[in-house]
Amino acid sequence: MDNNDDYSYRIESKNGTERYYVSFVKTNKELTETEVPQDTFLALQEFNRKRESISRSDRRHIERSEQTEISLNVKSIAKQ
């Protein structure tokens, strides 16, 4: 499981039937895996994709807002 992600996901196929599992670390640091319905599995994956997208956007925004004239000059020289 990735330390930057709250959940990990897996799909297990047995006898042509798919089962959906989500793993997470509980507050007591215990790794827990549980089977969930497909709609819950898909909703959690979508939620984490959107959260990561927002997080990337926030990091870009913070980076731009922290730009100083000196750092912009350093970046422009580095690109040349």
Protein backbone atom coordinates (compact mmCIF):
# COMPACT_ATOMS: atom_id res chain seq x y z
CA MET A 1 0.00 0.00 0.00
CA ASP A 2 1.30 3.45 -0.94
CA ASN A 3 1.98 5.68 2.07
CA ASN A 4 0.53 8.65 0.19
CA ASP A 5 -2.78 6.96 -0.36
CA ASP A 6 -5.36 6.19 2.30
CA TYR A 7 -6.60 3.04 0.59
CA SER A 8 -5.39 0.30 -1.71
CA TYR A 9 -7.69 -1.67 -3.95
CA ARG A 10 -7.77 -5.09 -5.51
CA ILE A 11 -10.17 -7.21 -7.51
CA GLU A 12 -10.14 -10.96 -7.11
CA SER A 13 -11.76 -13.21 -9.69
CA LYS A 14 -12.91 -16.67 -8.69
CA ASN A 15 -15.09 -18.95 -10.78
CA GLY A 16 -16.00 -16.05 -13.06
CA THR A 17 -17.15 -13.88 -10.14
CA GLU A 18 -15.34 -10.68 -9.23
CA ARG A 19 -14.92 -9.71 -5.59
CA TYR A 20 -13.80 -6.23 -4.59
CA TYR A 21 -11.47 -5.49 -1.68
CA VAL A 22 -10.29 -2.30 -0.04
CA SER A 23 -7.31 -2.17 2.33
CA PHE A 24 -6.62 0.62 4.79
CA VAL A 25 -4.73 1.31 7.98
CA LYS A 26 -6.87 1.81 11.06
CA THR A 27 -6.04 4.41 13.70
CA ASN A 28 -4.26 1.75 15.77
CA LYS A 29 -1.89 1.18 12.78
CA GLU A 30 -3.51 -2.16 12.00
CA LEU A 31 -3.78 -3.00 8.29
CA THR A 32 -7.34 -4.03 7.49
CA GLU A 33 -8.79 -5.47 4.30
CA THR A 34 -12.49 -5.78 3.70
CA GLU A 35 -14.70 -6.92 0.87
CA VAL A 36 -17.00 -4.20 -0.45
CA PRO A 37 -19.76 -4.02 -3.06
CA GLN A 38 -18.70 -2.99 -6.57
CA ASP A 39 -20.43 0.41 -6.37
CA THR A 40 -18.60 1.24 -3.12
CA PHE A 41 -15.30 0.08 -4.64
CA LEU A 42 -15.78 2.27 -7.72
CA ALA A 43 -16.93 5.26 -5.63
CA LEU A 44 -13.81 5.06 -3.43
CA GLN A 45 -11.54 4.87 -6.46
CA GLU A 46 -13.23 7.89 -8.05
CA PHE A 47 -13.07 9.86 -4.79
CA ASN A 48 -9.33 9.24 -4.51
CA ARG A 49 -8.73 10.19 -8.15
CA LYS A 50 -10.55 13.49 -7.63
CA ARG A 51 -8.74 14.11 -4.33
CA GLU A 52 -5.36 13.57 -6.02
CA SER A 53 -6.34 15.89 -8.85
CA ILE A 54 -7.29 18.63 -6.38
CA SER A 55 -4.09 18.04 -4.42
CA ARG A 56 -1.96 18.42 -7.59
CA SER A 57 -3.85 21.59 -8.48
CA ASP A 58 -3.28 22.97 -4.98
CA ARG A 59 0.45 22.24 -5.17
CA ARG A 60 0.70 24.02 -8.53
CA HIS A 61 -1.23 27.00 -7.17
CA ILE A 62 0.99 27.22 -4.08
CA GLU A 63 4.11 26.96 -6.21
CA ARG A 64 2.93 29.80 -8.46
CA SER A 65 1.94 31.99 -5.54
CA GLU A 66 5.32 31.49 -3.89
CA GLN A 67 7.23 32.59 -6.97
CA THR A 68 9.52 35.54 -6.41
CA GLU A 69 11.32 37.49 -9.06
CA ILE A 70 14.60 35.81 -8.10
CA SER A 71 13.14 32.31 -8.32
CA LEU A 72 11.56 33.13 -11.69
CA ASN A 73 14.94 34.33 -12.95
CA VAL A 74 16.62 31.16 -11.69
CA LYS A 75 14.00 29.01 -13.42
CA SER A 76 14.32 30.94 -16.70
CA ILE A 77 18.11 30.61 -16.67
CA ALA A 78 17.87 26.89 -15.88
CA LYS A 79 15.58 26.33 -18.90
CA GLN A 80 18.11 27.87 -21.28
